[in-house]
């Protein structure tokens, strides 16, 4: 018996409607413990353009010098000044002395004004430009460890104990005075605050001697 296609059309449509849709298949798989596809999920963030963070990004200038200091006859210590900040006029210098074993035996922070203060003695005009000030700070940093700033003995035999220095250990000072090979380092902080430091074998630390 021949059937007309028009007569079979309702049966074909019913068969199509009984097939599960793609969304339904996804729902069924999720119910079975499989992750469903989420067309609205965001892609992973693009980090290719992220700016790298470096611990040294703010370091503007570094000077380093190796000198005998804590051990006059032994391996030299490392004197270092690292200046960090957004600019030469807005930074801070870290002055450290590290012995041959890698131990930091002295650390002091120097502000930009500490390094710039003596510019007034060189100015030929009432004021200085930012460029002149920045250049002076750079020069101060570059010349911070001049050979002429290291002295032996650390304390001359004819020196008198400086009572004006607070918390200075007289015993340590007298011990250094008796050591002709002891070495002193001098540096200027601010306009006129001249620091004189030396390693004290008695106290096992750096002390100010003047």
N, C-alpha and C. Protein backbone atom coordinates (compact mmCIF):
# COMPACT_ATOMS: atom_id res chain seq x y z
N UNK A 1 0.86 -1.19 0.00
CA UNK A 1 0.00 0.00 0.00
C UNK A 1 0.89 1.23 0.00
N UNK A 2 0.62 2.13 -0.84
CA UNK A 2 1.39 3.37 -0.90
C UNK A 2 0.78 4.43 0.02
N UNK A 3 1.75 5.09 0.76
CA UNK A 3 1.31 6.18 1.65
C UNK A 3 1.77 7.50 1.06
N UNK A 4 0.98 8.44 1.19
CA UNK A 4 1.34 9.79 0.72
C UNK A 4 2.31 10.42 1.70
N UNK A 5 3.29 11.16 1.16
CA UNK A 5 4.24 11.88 2.04
C UNK A 5 3.52 12.87 2.92
N UNK A 6 2.49 13.45 2.42
CA UNK A 6 1.73 14.39 3.26
C UNK A 6 1.09 13.68 4.42
N UNK A 7 0.76 12.41 4.22
CA UNK A 7 0.16 11.66 5.31
C UNK A 7 1.20 11.30 6.36
N UNK A 8 2.46 11.07 5.97
CA UNK A 8 3.52 10.69 6.91
C UNK A 8 4.16 11.88 7.61
N UNK A 9 3.95 13.08 7.12
CA UNK A 9 4.60 14.27 7.68
C UNK A 9 4.35 14.44 9.17
N UNK A 10 3.12 14.32 9.68
CA UNK A 10 2.91 14.46 11.13
C UNK A 10 3.73 13.47 11.94
N UNK A 11 3.92 12.22 11.43
CA UNK A 11 4.70 11.24 12.18
C UNK A 11 6.17 11.62 12.24
N UNK A 12 6.71 12.17 11.16
CA UNK A 12 8.12 12.59 11.14
C UNK A 12 8.37 13.74 12.09
N UNK A 13 7.47 14.69 12.13
CA UNK A 13 7.61 15.82 13.04
C UNK A 13 7.59 15.37 14.48
N UNK A 14 6.76 14.43 14.81
CA UNK A 14 6.70 13.91 16.19
C UNK A 14 7.99 13.24 16.57
N UNK A 15 8.61 12.50 15.64
CA UNK A 15 9.87 11.81 15.93
C UNK A 15 10.99 12.80 16.20
N UNK A 16 11.01 13.91 15.44
CA UNK A 16 12.05 14.93 15.65
C UNK A 16 11.90 15.59 17.01
N UNK A 17 10.72 15.85 17.41
CA UNK A 17 10.49 16.52 18.69
C UNK A 17 10.85 15.65 19.87
N UNK A 18 10.96 14.36 19.70
CA UNK A 18 11.28 13.46 20.82
C UNK A 18 12.78 13.35 21.07
N UNK A 19 13.69 13.93 20.20
CA UNK A 19 15.14 13.87 20.36
C UNK A 19 15.61 14.93 21.34
N UNK A 20 16.45 14.60 22.38
CA UNK A 20 16.92 15.61 23.35
C UNK A 20 17.72 16.68 22.64
N UNK A 21 17.62 17.95 23.13
CA UNK A 21 18.37 19.07 22.55
C UNK A 21 19.78 19.09 23.11
N UNK A 22 20.68 19.97 22.54
CA UNK A 22 22.06 20.08 22.99
C UNK A 22 22.12 20.58 24.42
N UNK A 23 21.27 21.52 24.79
CA UNK A 23 21.26 22.05 26.15
C UNK A 23 20.85 20.97 27.12
N UNK A 24 19.92 20.19 26.74
CA UNK A 24 19.48 19.10 27.59
C UNK A 24 20.58 18.07 27.78
N UNK A 25 21.35 17.82 26.73
CA UNK A 25 22.45 16.88 26.85
C UNK A 25 23.47 17.40 27.85
N UNK A 26 23.73 18.69 27.79
CA UNK A 26 24.66 19.27 28.75
C UNK A 26 24.15 19.16 30.16
N UNK A 27 22.88 19.38 30.36
CA UNK A 27 22.30 19.29 31.69
C UNK A 27 22.38 17.87 32.21
N UNK A 28 22.14 16.93 31.31
CA UNK A 28 22.19 15.54 31.72
C UNK A 28 23.61 15.13 32.12
N UNK A 29 24.61 15.56 31.36
CA UNK A 29 25.99 15.19 31.68
C UNK A 29 26.42 15.80 32.98
N UNK A 30 25.98 17.04 33.31
CA UNK A 30 26.34 17.66 34.58
C UNK A 30 25.72 16.90 35.72
N UNK A 31 24.50 16.43 35.52
CA UNK A 31 23.85 15.67 36.56
C UNK A 31 24.56 14.36 36.80
N UNK A 32 25.24 13.84 35.79
CA UNK A 32 25.98 12.59 35.92
C UNK A 32 27.36 12.79 36.50
N UNK A 33 27.70 14.04 36.88
CA UNK A 33 29.01 14.31 37.48
C UNK A 33 30.01 14.88 36.54
N UNK A 34 29.65 15.18 35.31
CA UNK A 34 30.57 15.76 34.33
C UNK A 34 30.31 17.24 34.23
N UNK A 35 31.34 18.06 34.13
CA UNK A 35 31.15 19.51 34.05
C UNK A 35 30.43 19.91 32.78
N UNK A 36 29.46 20.78 32.94
CA UNK A 36 28.70 21.26 31.78
C UNK A 36 29.44 22.40 31.12
N UNK A 37 29.25 22.55 29.84
CA UNK A 37 29.86 23.66 29.12
C UNK A 37 29.12 24.95 29.45
N UNK A 38 29.89 25.97 29.74
CA UNK A 38 29.29 27.27 30.07
C UNK A 38 29.76 28.28 29.05
N UNK A 39 28.89 28.61 28.13
CA UNK A 39 29.27 29.51 27.05
C UNK A 39 29.51 30.92 27.55
N UNK A 40 29.05 31.23 28.81
CA UNK A 40 29.22 32.57 29.34
C UNK A 40 30.49 32.72 30.17
N UNK A 41 31.28 31.64 30.36
CA UNK A 41 32.49 31.69 31.18
C UNK A 41 33.51 32.65 30.57
N UNK A 42 34.17 33.44 31.43
CA UNK A 42 35.15 34.40 30.94
C UNK A 42 36.45 33.70 30.61
N UNK A 43 37.19 34.18 29.61
CA UNK A 43 38.49 33.58 29.29
C UNK A 43 39.49 33.93 30.39
N UNK A 44 40.58 33.17 30.52
CA UNK A 44 41.59 33.50 31.54
C UNK A 44 42.17 34.88 31.28
N UNK A 45 42.55 35.60 32.35
CA UNK A 45 43.08 36.96 32.16
C UNK A 45 44.37 36.96 31.36
N UNK A 46 44.53 37.96 30.56
CA UNK A 46 45.73 38.12 29.73
C UNK A 46 46.77 38.86 30.55
N UNK A 47 47.82 38.15 30.96
CA UNK A 47 48.87 38.76 31.78
C UNK A 47 50.12 39.12 30.97
N UNK A 48 50.00 38.98 29.65
CA UNK A 48 51.18 39.25 28.82
C UNK A 48 51.63 40.70 28.90
N UNK A 49 50.70 41.61 29.19
CA UNK A 49 51.06 43.02 29.28
C UNK A 49 51.27 43.51 30.69
N UNK A 50 51.28 42.60 31.67
CA UNK A 50 51.46 43.01 33.06
C UNK A 50 52.88 43.50 33.28
N UNK A 51 53.02 44.60 33.95
CA UNK A 51 54.33 45.18 34.20
C UNK A 51 55.07 44.37 35.27
N UNK A 52 56.26 43.94 34.95
CA UNK A 52 57.03 43.14 35.90
C UNK A 52 57.43 43.98 37.11
N UNK A 53 57.38 43.36 38.28
CA UNK A 53 57.76 44.05 39.51
C UNK A 53 59.18 43.63 39.86
N UNK A 54 60.06 44.59 39.99
CA UNK A 54 61.45 44.31 40.31
C UNK A 54 61.84 45.02 41.59
N UNK A 55 62.56 44.30 42.45
CA UNK A 55 63.00 44.89 43.71
C UNK A 55 64.01 46.02 43.46
N UNK A 56 64.61 46.05 42.28
CA UNK A 56 65.63 47.05 41.98
C UNK A 56 65.11 48.20 41.13
N UNK A 57 63.80 48.24 40.89
CA UNK A 57 63.28 49.23 39.95
C UNK A 57 63.48 50.67 40.43
N UNK A 58 63.57 50.88 41.75
CA UNK A 58 63.72 52.23 42.27
C UNK A 58 65.17 52.58 42.58
N UNK A 59 66.11 51.71 42.29
CA UNK A 59 67.52 52.00 42.55
C UNK A 59 68.04 52.95 41.48
N UNK A 60 68.48 54.11 41.94
CA UNK A 60 68.94 55.14 41.01
C UNK A 60 70.46 55.18 40.87
N UNK A 61 71.15 54.82 41.94
CA UNK A 61 72.62 54.89 41.89
C UNK A 61 73.21 53.99 42.98
N UNK A 62 74.31 53.34 42.64
CA UNK A 62 75.00 52.47 43.59
C UNK A 62 76.50 52.67 43.46
N UNK A 63 77.15 52.86 44.59
CA UNK A 63 78.62 52.94 44.59
C UNK A 63 79.13 51.91 45.60
N UNK A 64 80.27 51.35 45.27
CA UNK A 64 80.81 50.27 46.10
C UNK A 64 82.33 50.38 46.14
N UNK A 65 82.89 50.12 47.32
CA UNK A 65 84.34 50.19 47.49
C UNK A 65 84.77 49.09 48.47
N UNK A 66 85.86 48.43 48.16
CA UNK A 66 86.38 47.39 49.06
C UNK A 66 87.61 47.94 49.77
N UNK A 67 87.53 47.92 51.12
CA UNK A 67 88.60 48.50 51.94
C UNK A 67 88.81 47.68 53.20
N UNK A 68 90.05 47.61 53.65
CA UNK A 68 90.31 47.03 54.96
C UNK A 68 89.72 47.96 56.02
N UNK A 69 89.01 47.37 56.95
CA UNK A 69 88.35 48.18 57.97
C UNK A 69 88.21 47.38 59.26
N UNK A 70 87.33 46.38 59.28
CA UNK A 70 87.15 45.60 60.51
C UNK A 70 88.34 44.67 60.77
N UNK A 71 89.07 44.35 59.71
CA UNK A 71 90.26 43.50 59.85
C UNK A 71 91.39 44.16 59.07
N UNK A 72 92.22 44.96 59.75
CA UNK A 72 93.27 45.72 59.05
C UNK A 72 94.20 44.86 58.19
N UNK A 73 94.48 43.64 58.65
CA UNK A 73 95.41 42.78 57.91
C UNK A 73 94.69 41.68 57.14
N UNK A 74 93.39 41.54 57.32
CA UNK A 74 92.65 40.46 56.70
C UNK A 74 91.98 40.89 55.41
N UNK A 75 91.00 40.11 54.96
CA UNK A 75 90.28 40.45 53.71
C UNK A 75 89.49 41.75 53.89
N UNK A 76 89.34 42.52 52.82
CA UNK A 76 88.66 43.81 52.94
C UNK A 76 87.15 43.68 53.14
N UNK A 77 86.58 44.74 53.68
CA UNK A 77 85.13 44.85 53.81
C UNK A 77 84.59 45.56 52.58
N UNK A 78 83.28 45.46 52.38
CA UNK A 78 82.62 46.12 51.25
C UNK A 78 81.82 47.31 51.76
N UNK A 79 82.21 48.49 51.33
CA UNK A 79 81.47 49.72 51.63
C UNK A 79 80.53 49.97 50.46
N UNK A 80 79.27 50.21 50.76
CA UNK A 80 78.29 50.38 49.68
C UNK A 80 77.26 51.45 50.04
N UNK A 81 76.93 52.24 49.06
CA UNK A 81 75.87 53.24 49.20
C UNK A 81 74.90 53.04 48.04
N UNK A 82 73.65 52.72 48.37
CA UNK A 82 72.61 52.50 47.38
C UNK A 82 71.54 53.57 47.56
N UNK A 83 71.31 54.33 46.50
CA UNK A 83 70.33 55.42 46.55
C UNK A 83 69.08 54.99 45.79
N UNK A 84 67.93 55.01 46.47
CA UNK A 84 66.68 54.56 45.87
C UNK A 84 65.60 55.63 46.04
N UNK A 85 64.69 55.66 45.07
CA UNK A 85 63.58 56.60 45.15
C UNK A 85 63.04 56.93 43.78
N UNK A 86 61.99 57.74 43.73
CA UNK A 86 61.41 58.12 42.44
C UNK A 86 62.29 59.07 41.64
N UNK A 87 63.16 59.82 42.33
CA UNK A 87 64.07 60.73 41.64
C UNK A 87 65.25 61.02 42.55
N UNK A 88 66.28 61.66 42.00
CA UNK A 88 67.46 61.98 42.80
C UNK A 88 67.15 62.98 43.90
N UNK A 89 66.07 63.72 43.76
CA UNK A 89 65.71 64.71 44.78
C UNK A 89 64.63 64.21 45.73
N UNK A 90 64.26 62.94 45.59
CA UNK A 90 63.22 62.37 46.44
C UNK A 90 63.58 60.98 46.92
N UNK A 91 64.86 60.71 47.05
CA UNK A 91 65.29 59.37 47.42
C UNK A 91 65.97 59.31 48.77
N UNK A 92 66.40 58.10 49.10
CA UNK A 92 67.10 57.84 50.36
C UNK A 92 68.27 56.91 50.07
N UNK A 93 69.39 57.19 50.70
CA UNK A 93 70.58 56.36 50.52
C UNK A 93 70.77 55.41 51.69
N UNK A 94 71.10 54.17 51.37
CA UNK A 94 71.41 53.17 52.41
C UNK A 94 72.90 52.89 52.37
N UNK A 95 73.58 53.27 53.44
CA UNK A 95 75.01 53.09 53.56
C UNK A 95 75.26 51.86 54.42
N UNK A 96 75.96 50.88 53.87
CA UNK A 96 76.26 49.66 54.61
C UNK A 96 77.74 49.30 54.49
N UNK A 97 78.22 48.60 55.52
CA UNK A 97 79.56 48.01 55.50
C UNK A 97 79.35 46.52 55.77
N UNK A 98 79.86 45.70 54.87
CA UNK A 98 79.70 44.25 54.98
C UNK A 98 81.07 43.60 55.05
N UNK A 99 81.27 42.73 56.04
CA UNK A 99 82.58 42.11 56.17
C UNK A 99 82.76 40.96 55.18
N UNK A 100 83.93 40.36 55.21
CA UNK A 100 84.26 39.31 54.23
C UNK A 100 83.38 38.08 54.37
N UNK A 101 82.78 37.88 55.54
CA UNK A 101 81.88 36.74 55.77
C UNK A 101 80.47 37.03 55.31
N UNK A 102 80.22 38.24 54.79
CA UNK A 102 78.89 38.58 54.31
C UNK A 102 77.98 39.16 55.38
N UNK A 103 78.52 39.48 56.55
CA UNK A 103 77.71 40.04 57.63
C UNK A 103 77.73 41.57 57.55
N UNK A 104 76.56 42.18 57.59
CA UNK A 104 76.47 43.65 57.61
C UNK A 104 76.84 44.13 59.01
N UNK A 105 77.94 44.85 59.12
CA UNK A 105 78.41 45.30 60.43
C UNK A 105 78.05 46.76 60.70
N UNK A 106 77.53 47.43 59.67
CA UNK A 106 77.12 48.83 59.86
C UNK A 106 76.08 49.18 58.82
N UNK A 107 75.05 49.91 59.26
CA UNK A 107 74.01 50.38 58.33
C UNK A 107 73.50 51.73 58.80
N UNK A 108 73.36 52.65 57.86
CA UNK A 108 72.80 53.97 58.17
C UNK A 108 72.03 54.48 56.96
N UNK A 109 70.89 55.09 57.21
CA UNK A 109 70.09 55.67 56.14
C UNK A 109 70.42 57.16 56.02
N UNK A 110 70.65 57.60 54.80
CA UNK A 110 70.98 58.99 54.52
C UNK A 110 69.88 59.58 53.63
N UNK A 111 69.27 60.65 54.08
CA UNK A 111 68.22 61.28 53.28
C UNK A 111 68.82 62.11 52.17
N UNK A 112 67.99 62.49 51.22
CA UNK A 112 68.47 63.35 50.14
C UNK A 112 69.00 64.67 50.69
N UNK A 113 68.32 65.33 51.67
CA UNK A 113 68.89 66.56 52.24
C UNK A 113 70.25 66.33 52.90
N UNK A 114 70.49 65.14 53.48
CA UNK A 114 71.80 64.84 54.07
C UNK A 114 72.90 64.93 53.02
N UNK A 115 72.58 64.55 51.80
CA UNK A 115 73.57 64.54 50.73
C UNK A 115 73.65 65.87 49.99
N UNK A 116 72.57 66.61 49.98
CA UNK A 116 72.52 67.85 49.21
C UNK A 116 72.95 69.07 50.01
N UNK A 117 72.95 68.98 51.34
CA UNK A 117 73.10 70.16 52.19
C UNK A 117 74.34 70.99 51.87
N UNK A 118 75.45 70.36 51.54
CA UNK A 118 76.69 71.11 51.31
C UNK A 118 76.73 71.81 49.96
N UNK A 119 75.68 71.66 49.17
CA UNK A 119 75.63 72.36 47.89
C UNK A 119 75.70 73.87 48.10
N UNK A 120 75.21 74.37 49.22
CA UNK A 120 75.20 75.82 49.47
C UNK A 120 76.60 76.41 49.45
N UNK A 121 77.60 75.58 49.76
CA UNK A 121 78.98 76.08 49.76
C UNK A 121 79.56 76.22 48.36
N UNK A 122 78.88 75.67 47.36
CA UNK A 122 79.37 75.72 45.99
C UNK A 122 78.53 76.60 45.08
N UNK A 123 77.39 77.05 45.57
CA UNK A 123 76.48 77.82 44.72
C UNK A 123 77.04 79.21 44.42
N UNK A 124 76.91 79.62 43.19
CA UNK A 124 77.33 80.96 42.77
C UNK A 124 76.12 81.85 42.49
N UNK A 125 74.93 81.28 42.66
CA UNK A 125 73.68 82.03 42.48
C UNK A 125 72.82 81.80 43.72
N UNK A 126 71.81 82.66 43.94
CA UNK A 126 70.97 82.51 45.14
C UNK A 126 70.24 81.17 45.22
N UNK A 127 69.89 80.62 44.09
CA UNK A 127 69.19 79.34 44.06
C UNK A 127 69.82 78.41 43.03
N UNK A 128 69.48 77.13 43.15
CA UNK A 128 69.96 76.13 42.20
C UNK A 128 68.77 75.46 41.52
N UNK A 129 68.94 75.11 40.27
CA UNK A 129 67.86 74.44 39.54
C UNK A 129 67.76 72.99 40.01
N UNK A 130 66.66 72.34 39.67
CA UNK A 130 66.50 70.94 40.03
C UNK A 130 67.59 70.08 39.38
N UNK A 131 67.95 70.43 38.16
CA UNK A 131 69.00 69.68 37.47
C UNK A 131 70.34 69.83 38.18
N UNK A 132 70.64 71.03 38.65
CA UNK A 132 71.88 71.26 39.37
C UNK A 132 71.90 70.52 40.70
N UNK A 133 70.77 70.53 41.37
CA UNK A 133 70.67 69.83 42.65
C UNK A 133 70.83 68.33 42.47
N UNK A 134 70.16 67.79 41.46
CA UNK A 134 70.25 66.35 41.21
C UNK A 134 71.67 65.94 40.83
N UNK A 135 72.33 66.77 40.04
CA UNK A 135 73.71 66.48 39.64
C UNK A 135 74.63 66.50 40.85
N UNK A 136 74.37 67.41 41.77
CA UNK A 136 75.20 67.48 42.98
C UNK A 136 75.02 66.25 43.85
N UNK A 137 73.79 65.78 44.00
CA UNK A 137 73.53 64.58 44.80
C UNK A 137 74.23 63.38 44.18
N UNK A 138 74.16 63.27 42.85
CA UNK A 138 74.87 62.17 42.17
C UNK A 138 76.36 62.24 42.44
N UNK A 139 76.91 63.45 42.38
CA UNK A 139 78.35 63.61 42.61
C UNK A 139 78.73 63.25 44.04
N UNK A 140 77.89 63.63 44.98
CA UNK A 140 78.14 63.29 46.39
C UNK A 140 78.15 61.77 46.58
N UNK A 141 77.22 61.10 45.92
CA UNK A 141 77.16 59.65 46.04
C UNK A 141 78.40 59.01 45.41
N UNK A 142 78.77 59.48 44.23
CA UNK A 142 79.91 58.91 43.52
C UNK A 142 81.21 59.09 44.30
N UNK A 143 81.31 60.13 45.09
CA UNK A 143 82.55 60.43 45.82
C UNK A 143 82.45 60.09 47.31
N UNK A 144 81.50 59.26 47.67
CA UNK A 144 81.26 59.00 49.08
C UNK A 144 82.38 58.20 49.74
N UNK A 145 83.10 57.39 48.94
CA UNK A 145 84.15 56.54 49.51
C UNK A 145 85.52 56.89 48.92
N UNK A 146 85.90 58.13 49.03
CA UNK A 146 87.21 58.56 48.53
C UNK A 146 88.33 57.99 49.42
N UNK A 147 89.49 57.66 48.83
CA UNK A 147 90.61 57.14 49.62
C UNK A 147 91.01 58.05 50.77
N UNK A 148 90.86 59.36 50.58
CA UNK A 148 91.26 60.31 51.61
C UNK A 148 90.37 60.26 52.85
N UNK A 149 89.27 59.52 52.78
CA UNK A 149 88.36 59.43 53.92
C UNK A 149 88.69 58.26 54.85
N UNK A 150 89.68 57.45 54.47
CA UNK A 150 90.12 56.33 55.31
C UNK A 150 91.43 56.70 55.99
N UNK A 151 91.49 56.46 57.29
CA UNK A 151 92.66 56.90 58.06
C UNK A 151 93.14 55.81 59.01
N UNK A 152 94.45 55.72 59.16
CA UNK A 152 95.07 54.86 60.15
C UNK A 152 96.23 55.64 60.78
N UNK A 153 96.32 55.67 62.11
CA UNK A 153 95.44 54.97 63.04
C UNK A 153 94.05 55.62 63.12
N UNK A 154 93.11 54.87 63.67
CA UNK A 154 91.76 55.40 63.80
C UNK A 154 91.72 56.55 64.79
N UNK A 155 92.53 56.46 65.83
CA UNK A 155 92.61 57.50 66.85
C UNK A 155 94.08 57.80 67.10
N UNK A 156 94.44 59.04 66.94
CA UNK A 156 95.84 59.43 67.16
C UNK A 156 96.21 59.27 68.63
N UNK A 157 97.48 59.00 68.86
CA UNK A 157 97.96 58.78 70.23
C UNK A 157 97.79 60.00 71.10
N UNK A 158 97.73 61.18 70.49
CA UNK A 158 97.61 62.42 71.26
C UNK A 158 96.16 62.88 71.43
N UNK A 159 95.20 62.12 70.90
CA UNK A 159 93.79 62.52 70.97
C UNK A 159 93.26 62.46 72.41
N UNK A 160 92.31 63.35 72.66
CA UNK A 160 91.64 63.41 73.96
C UNK A 160 90.24 62.84 73.81
N UNK A 161 89.81 62.09 74.79
CA UNK A 161 88.49 61.46 74.72
C UNK A 161 87.40 62.51 74.49
N UNK A 162 86.56 62.35 73.46
CA UNK A 162 85.53 63.34 73.13
C UNK A 162 84.30 63.19 74.03
N UNK A 163 84.24 63.93 75.06
CA UNK A 163 83.12 63.82 76.02
C UNK A 163 81.80 64.29 75.42
N UNK A 164 81.84 65.04 74.32
CA UNK A 164 80.61 65.55 73.72
C UNK A 164 79.81 64.49 72.97
N UNK A 165 80.42 63.36 72.70
CA UNK A 165 79.73 62.29 71.99
C UNK A 165 78.96 61.43 72.99
N UNK A 166 77.67 61.35 72.82
CA UNK A 166 76.83 60.59 73.74
C UNK A 166 77.03 59.08 73.56
N UNK A 167 76.98 58.38 74.68
CA UNK A 167 77.02 56.91 74.69
C UNK A 167 78.30 56.32 74.12
N UNK A 168 79.36 57.09 74.09
CA UNK A 168 80.63 56.56 73.60
C UNK A 168 81.32 55.79 74.72
N UNK A 169 81.66 54.56 74.45
CA UNK A 169 82.30 53.69 75.43
C UNK A 169 83.77 54.08 75.57
N UNK A 170 84.14 54.57 76.75
CA UNK A 170 85.51 55.03 76.95
C UNK A 170 86.50 53.88 76.83
N UNK A 171 86.14 52.72 77.33
CA UNK A 171 87.04 51.57 77.26
C UNK A 171 87.32 51.19 75.81
N UNK A 172 86.26 51.18 74.98
CA UNK A 172 86.44 50.84 73.56
C UNK A 172 87.27 51.90 72.85
N UNK A 173 87.05 53.15 73.20
CA UNK A 173 87.80 54.25 72.59
C UNK A 173 89.28 54.14 72.96
N UNK A 174 89.57 53.90 74.24
CA UNK A 174 90.97 53.77 74.68
C UNK A 174 91.65 52.56 74.05
N UNK A 175 90.88 51.49 73.85
CA UNK A 175 91.44 50.30 73.21
C UNK A 175 91.85 50.61 71.77
N UNK A 176 91.00 51.33 71.05
CA UNK A 176 91.33 51.71 69.68
C UNK A 176 92.54 52.64 69.63
N UNK A 177 92.63 53.48 70.61
CA UNK A 177 93.74 54.45 70.65
C UNK A 177 95.09 53.74 70.74
N UNK A 178 95.08 52.56 71.29
CA UNK A 178 96.32 51.79 71.45
C UNK A 178 96.60 50.87 70.26
N UNK A 179 95.78 50.97 69.23
CA UNK A 179 95.95 50.11 68.04
C UNK A 179 96.35 50.98 66.84
N UNK A 180 97.63 51.04 66.53
CA UNK A 180 98.07 51.89 65.42
C UNK A 180 97.58 51.44 64.05
N UNK A 181 97.16 50.18 63.94
CA UNK A 181 96.70 49.70 62.64
C UNK A 181 95.18 49.81 62.48
N UNK A 182 94.48 50.28 63.51
CA UNK A 182 93.03 50.44 63.40
C UNK A 182 92.69 51.50 62.35
N UNK A 183 91.61 51.28 61.63
CA UNK A 183 91.25 52.15 60.50
C UNK A 183 89.95 52.89 60.80
N UNK A 184 89.93 54.14 60.44
CA UNK A 184 88.75 55.01 60.63
C UNK A 184 88.22 55.45 59.27
N UNK A 185 86.90 55.57 59.19
CA UNK A 185 86.27 56.10 57.98
C UNK A 185 85.50 57.36 58.35
N UNK A 186 85.75 58.43 57.59
CA UNK A 186 85.07 59.71 57.82
C UNK A 186 84.08 59.98 56.69
N UNK A 187 82.92 60.52 57.04
CA UNK A 187 81.96 60.94 56.02
C UNK A 187 81.11 62.07 56.56
N UNK A 188 80.62 62.89 55.65
CA UNK A 188 79.85 64.06 56.03
C UNK A 188 78.37 63.78 55.86
N UNK A 189 77.63 64.13 56.91
CA UNK A 189 76.17 63.96 56.91
C UNK A 189 75.56 65.33 57.15
N UNK A 190 74.80 65.84 56.16
CA UNK A 190 74.29 67.20 56.27
C UNK A 190 75.38 68.21 55.97
N UNK A 191 75.27 69.40 56.53
CA UNK A 191 76.24 70.46 56.25
C UNK A 191 77.55 70.27 57.00
N UNK A 192 77.47 69.99 58.30
CA UNK A 192 78.69 70.00 59.11
C UNK A 192 78.81 68.82 60.05
N UNK A 193 77.91 67.87 59.95
CA UNK A 193 77.94 66.73 60.86
C UNK A 193 78.89 65.67 60.31
N UNK A 194 80.16 65.82 60.68
CA UNK A 194 81.17 64.88 60.18
C UNK A 194 81.22 63.66 61.10
N UNK A 195 80.94 62.52 60.51
CA UNK A 195 80.95 61.27 61.27
C UNK A 195 82.30 60.58 61.10
N UNK A 196 82.83 60.05 62.19
CA UNK A 196 84.08 59.30 62.16
C UNK A 196 83.83 57.96 62.86
N UNK A 197 83.93 56.88 62.12
CA UNK A 197 83.61 55.58 62.66
C UNK A 197 84.79 54.60 62.51
N UNK A 198 84.81 53.61 63.37
CA UNK A 198 85.86 52.59 63.32
C UNK A 198 85.31 51.30 63.91
N UNK A 199 85.96 50.20 63.56
CA UNK A 199 85.57 48.91 64.11
C UNK A 199 86.26 48.72 65.46
N UNK A 200 85.46 48.39 66.48
CA UNK A 200 86.00 48.17 67.82
C UNK A 200 86.18 46.68 68.06
N UNK A 201 87.42 46.19 68.12
CA UNK A 201 87.64 44.76 68.44
C UNK A 201 87.14 44.42 69.84
N UNK A 202 87.13 45.39 70.73
CA UNK A 202 86.68 45.14 72.09
C UNK A 202 85.18 44.92 72.15
N UNK A 203 84.41 45.73 71.44
CA UNK A 203 82.95 45.62 71.45
C UNK A 203 82.40 44.78 70.30
N UNK A 204 83.26 44.42 69.35
CA UNK A 204 82.85 43.65 68.18
C UNK A 204 81.74 44.35 67.39
N UNK A 205 81.92 45.65 67.21
CA UNK A 205 80.95 46.42 66.43
C UNK A 205 81.59 47.72 65.97
N UNK A 206 80.91 48.39 65.04
CA UNK A 206 81.37 49.69 64.58
C UNK A 206 80.92 50.74 65.59
N UNK A 207 81.84 51.62 65.97
CA UNK A 207 81.49 52.69 66.91
C UNK A 207 81.93 54.03 66.33
N UNK A 208 81.30 55.07 66.81
CA UNK A 208 81.71 56.42 66.43
C UNK A 208 82.86 56.84 67.35
N UNK A 209 83.91 57.36 66.77
CA UNK A 209 85.07 57.73 67.59
C UNK A 209 85.22 59.24 67.70
N UNK A 210 84.43 59.97 66.91
CA UNK A 210 84.51 61.44 66.97
C UNK A 210 83.22 62.04 66.48
